[in-house]
Amino acid sequence: MVLLLDGAPHVIEDLHTSGTAQTRHKLHTRCATSRPAASLTAFLQKRARDRGPAGNPRVTYSYAQADRQVFIDAETFEEFEFTNEQLGERRGFLKENEEYKALRLDGRLLDIVLPPQVSLKVVDTAPPVRSDLGSSWKEAKLETGLSIMVPLFIANGEIIRVDTAEKKYLGGKRPRKGLRPHAAGQRKKG
């Protein structure tokens, strides 16, 4: 969601409410301006309202160029750039040729919206170990350069699901429902 505050667009990164039955409920938000490195923590009550006609086009992550990430609008093929500073830690979830939702206002691309989870390949981790301890973890580097903690049984080359908000391991990549092994490109032997 995009708010226009004092004439400047702000992207809402997080919001939650607080209050009890005896007190008024309050809306707490964490916003970021569209200007690089400018972040702002705001407390907004009833008078804050959504005022900008923002669109949600689809953009494709194309490539990295020095300290910039280049995206292409899926409909108009127009190129947009974000600095590494603007994207922050979200850079670690961007895969080339993947589509993402974008926040746009008055023809300007404001921000990229990541899905709640992404599938990424493990490229560097210690060899897998079988263990009875469910709480044993090791560090793994993923195809995008992001490093997270994974269970001991994960090996190089495996595709795992990662929570984009918490930067946590969620599990192995789930097979698509309804596909039998031979329907997914694997033939039965025999």
Protein backbone atom coordinates (compact mmCIF):
# COMPACT_ATOMS: atom_id res chain seq x y z
CA MET A 1 0.00 0.00 0.00
CA VAL A 2 1.19 3.50 -0.77
CA LEU A 3 0.35 6.57 1.30
CA LEU A 4 0.89 10.15 0.27
CA LEU A 5 2.10 12.08 3.32
CA ASP A 6 3.15 15.71 2.93
CA GLY A 7 3.18 15.21 -0.82
CA ALA A 8 5.72 12.37 -0.72
CA PRO A 9 4.80 8.73 -1.39
CA HIS A 10 5.55 6.28 1.44
CA VAL A 11 5.42 2.50 1.08
CA ILE A 12 3.95 0.70 4.10
CA GLU A 13 6.35 -2.10 5.02
CA ASP A 14 4.63 -3.34 8.16
CA LEU A 15 1.50 -2.56 10.14
CA HIS A 16 -0.25 -3.82 13.24
CA THR A 17 -2.87 -2.64 15.72
CA SER A 18 -2.68 -2.38 19.47
CA GLY A 19 -5.22 -1.62 22.14
CA THR A 20 -7.56 -3.25 24.60
CA ALA A 21 -11.28 -3.18 25.25
CA GLN A 22 -10.74 -0.22 27.61
CA THR A 23 -8.50 1.84 25.31
CA ARG A 24 -8.75 2.99 21.75
CA HIS A 25 -7.16 0.83 19.10
CA LYS A 26 -4.15 2.37 17.40
CA LEU A 27 -2.61 1.56 14.05
CA HIS A 28 1.20 1.35 14.05
CA THR A 29 2.99 1.36 10.71
CA ARG A 30 6.55 1.22 9.47
CA CYS A 31 6.93 3.19 6.26
CA ALA A 32 9.73 3.85 3.82
CA THR A 33 9.90 6.82 1.51
CA SER A 34 10.74 6.31 -2.13
CA ARG A 35 13.96 8.26 -1.64
CA PRO A 36 17.12 6.16 -1.11
CA ALA A 37 18.16 5.44 2.46
CA ALA A 38 15.34 7.50 3.90
CA SER A 39 13.27 5.41 6.24
CA LEU A 40 10.71 6.61 8.68
CA THR A 41 8.78 5.15 11.56
CA ALA A 42 5.35 6.69 11.76
CA PHE A 43 2.47 6.38 14.14
CA LEU A 44 -0.76 6.93 12.23
CA GLN A 45 -4.22 7.11 13.75
CA LYS A 46 -7.68 7.51 12.19
CA ARG A 47 -6.83 10.55 10.07
CA ALA A 48 -4.26 8.71 7.96
CA ARG A 49 -5.87 7.43 4.80
CA ASP A 50 -4.87 5.99 1.50
CA ARG A 51 -4.74 8.87 -1.01
CA GLY A 52 -2.77 7.72 -4.03
CA PRO A 53 -4.05 5.86 -7.08
CA ALA A 54 -1.25 3.32 -7.18
CA GLY A 55 -1.07 0.52 -9.71
CA ASN A 56 0.34 -2.96 -9.21
CA PRO A 57 2.07 -3.91 -12.45
CA ARG A 58 4.19 -7.03 -12.85
CA VAL A 59 7.91 -6.53 -13.38
CA THR A 60 10.63 -9.03 -14.23
CA TYR A 61 14.02 -8.91 -12.52
CA SER A 62 16.44 -8.68 -15.40
CA TYR A 63 20.03 -8.22 -14.19
CA ALA A 64 22.40 -6.54 -11.76
CA GLN A 65 24.56 -3.65 -12.96
CA ALA A 66 27.21 -2.38 -10.52
CA ASP A 67 25.21 -1.16 -7.50
CA ARG A 68 21.84 -1.23 -9.31
CA GLN A 69 19.21 -3.89 -10.00
CA VAL A 70 17.34 -3.61 -13.31
CA PHE A 71 13.68 -4.60 -13.71
CA ILE A 72 11.53 -4.66 -16.86
CA ASP A 73 7.80 -3.88 -16.88
CA ALA A 74 6.03 -7.02 -18.15
CA GLU A 75 3.54 -5.03 -20.24
CA THR A 76 5.46 -2.03 -21.61
CA PHE A 77 9.02 -3.51 -21.51
CA GLU A 78 10.21 -0.27 -19.93
CA GLU A 79 13.33 -0.62 -17.74
CA PHE A 80 13.38 0.49 -14.10
CA GLU A 81 16.36 0.59 -11.76
CA PHE A 82 16.67 0.31 -8.01
CA THR A 83 19.88 0.87 -6.09
CA ASN A 84 21.10 -1.86 -3.75
CA GLU A 85 20.47 0.61 -0.94
CA GLN A 86 16.80 0.98 -1.92
CA LEU A 87 16.25 -2.78 -2.05
CA GLY A 88 18.24 -3.55 1.09
CA GLU A 89 18.18 -7.18 2.23
CA ARG A 90 15.40 -8.02 -0.24
CA ARG A 91 18.13 -8.27 -2.90
CA GLY A 92 18.89 -11.75 -1.55
CA PHE A 93 15.51 -13.02 -2.73
CA LEU A 94 15.66 -11.73 -6.32
CA LYS A 95 16.13 -14.33 -9.06
CA GLU A 96 16.82 -13.39 -12.67
CA ASN A 97 13.83 -13.71 -15.03
CA GLU A 98 11.36 -14.02 -12.13
CA GLU A 99 8.24 -11.83 -12.03
CA TYR A 100 7.40 -9.67 -9.01
CA LYS A 101 4.56 -7.35 -8.13
CA ALA A 102 5.52 -3.68 -8.18
CA LEU A 103 4.11 -0.57 -6.56
CA ARG A 104 3.73 2.29 -8.98
CA LEU A 105 2.50 5.86 -8.57
CA ASP A 106 2.12 8.48 -11.31
CA GLY A 107 4.22 6.44 -13.73
CA ARG A 108 7.06 5.97 -11.24
CA LEU A 109 8.08 2.60 -9.86
CA LEU A 110 8.19 2.95 -6.06
CA ASP A 111 8.92 -0.50 -4.75
CA ILE A 112 8.99 -4.25 -5.40
CA VAL A 113 6.68 -6.57 -3.45
CA LEU A 114 8.18 -9.96 -2.65
CA PRO A 115 5.97 -13.04 -2.35
CA PRO A 116 5.65 -14.49 1.18
CA GLN A 117 8.04 -17.31 0.27
CA VAL A 118 10.46 -18.14 -2.53
CA SER A 119 12.19 -21.33 -3.68
CA LEU A 120 15.98 -21.05 -3.84
CA LYS A 121 18.77 -23.53 -4.55
CA VAL A 122 21.43 -24.30 -1.93
CA VAL A 123 24.86 -23.73 -3.51
CA ASP A 124 27.21 -24.04 -0.53
CA THR A 125 26.74 -25.83 2.77
CA ALA A 126 28.41 -28.51 4.87
CA PRO A 127 27.72 -32.14 3.87
CA PRO A 128 24.39 -33.50 5.11
CA VAL A 129 24.31 -35.26 8.47
CA ARG A 130 21.57 -37.50 9.83
CA SER A 131 20.79 -36.56 13.40
CA ASP A 132 18.12 -37.25 15.99
CA LEU A 133 18.35 -33.67 17.16
CA GLY A 134 15.53 -31.66 15.59
CA SER A 135 17.11 -28.37 16.59
CA SER A 136 20.46 -28.80 14.86
CA TRP A 137 21.17 -26.23 12.17
CA LYS A 138 23.99 -25.24 9.84
CA GLU A 139 24.62 -22.25 7.58
CA ALA A 140 23.83 -22.49 3.87
CA LYS A 141 24.52 -20.06 1.03
CA LEU A 142 21.76 -19.83 -1.55
CA GLU A 143 21.91 -19.13 -5.31
CA THR A 144 21.22 -15.42 -4.80
CA GLY A 145 24.04 -14.98 -2.26
CA LEU A 146 21.72 -15.01 0.76
CA SER A 147 22.93 -17.05 3.75
CA ILE A 148 20.43 -18.66 6.12
CA MET A 149 20.34 -21.45 8.69
CA VAL A 150 19.03 -24.83 7.46
CA PRO A 151 18.61 -28.28 9.07
CA LEU A 152 21.61 -30.62 9.06
CA PHE A 153 20.11 -32.98 6.43
CA ILE A 154 20.06 -30.33 3.65
CA ALA A 155 22.66 -30.91 0.88
CA ASN A 156 24.16 -28.79 -1.90
CA GLY A 157 21.88 -28.59 -4.94
CA GLU A 158 18.61 -28.95 -3.01
CA ILE A 159 15.83 -26.45 -3.58
CA ILE A 160 14.32 -25.09 -0.38
CA ARG A 161 11.50 -22.68 0.49
CA VAL A 162 12.50 -19.50 2.34
CA ASP A 163 10.24 -17.07 4.20
CA THR A 164 10.95 -13.62 2.72
CA ALA A 165 9.80 -11.67 5.80
CA GLU A 166 11.70 -13.68 8.43
CA LYS A 167 14.59 -14.90 6.22
CA LYS A 168 14.01 -18.41 7.57
CA TYR A 169 14.02 -21.94 6.17
CA LEU A 170 10.45 -23.20 5.62
CA GLY A 171 11.10 -26.64 4.17
CA GLY A 172 11.97 -28.41 0.96
CA LYS A 173 10.31 -27.45 -2.29
CA ARG A 174 6.89 -29.06 -2.38
CA PRO A 175 6.02 -31.18 -5.41
CA ARG A 176 3.11 -29.90 -7.45
CA LYS A 177 -0.18 -31.48 -6.40
CA GLY A 178 -1.86 -33.95 -8.68
CA LEU A 179 1.26 -34.94 -10.63
CA ARG A 180 2.39 -38.53 -10.62
CA PRO A 181 6.16 -39.14 -10.94
CA HIS A 182 5.92 -40.19 -14.60
CA ALA A 183 3.67 -37.20 -15.39
CA ALA A 184 6.31 -34.82 -14.06
CA GLY A 185 8.85 -35.92 -16.65
CA GLN A 186 10.12 -39.06 -14.91
CA ARG A 187 9.31 -42.40 -16.52
CA LYS A 188 8.75 -45.62 -14.66
CA LYS A 189 11.50 -48.16 -15.05
CA GLY A 190 10.58 -51.65 -16.01
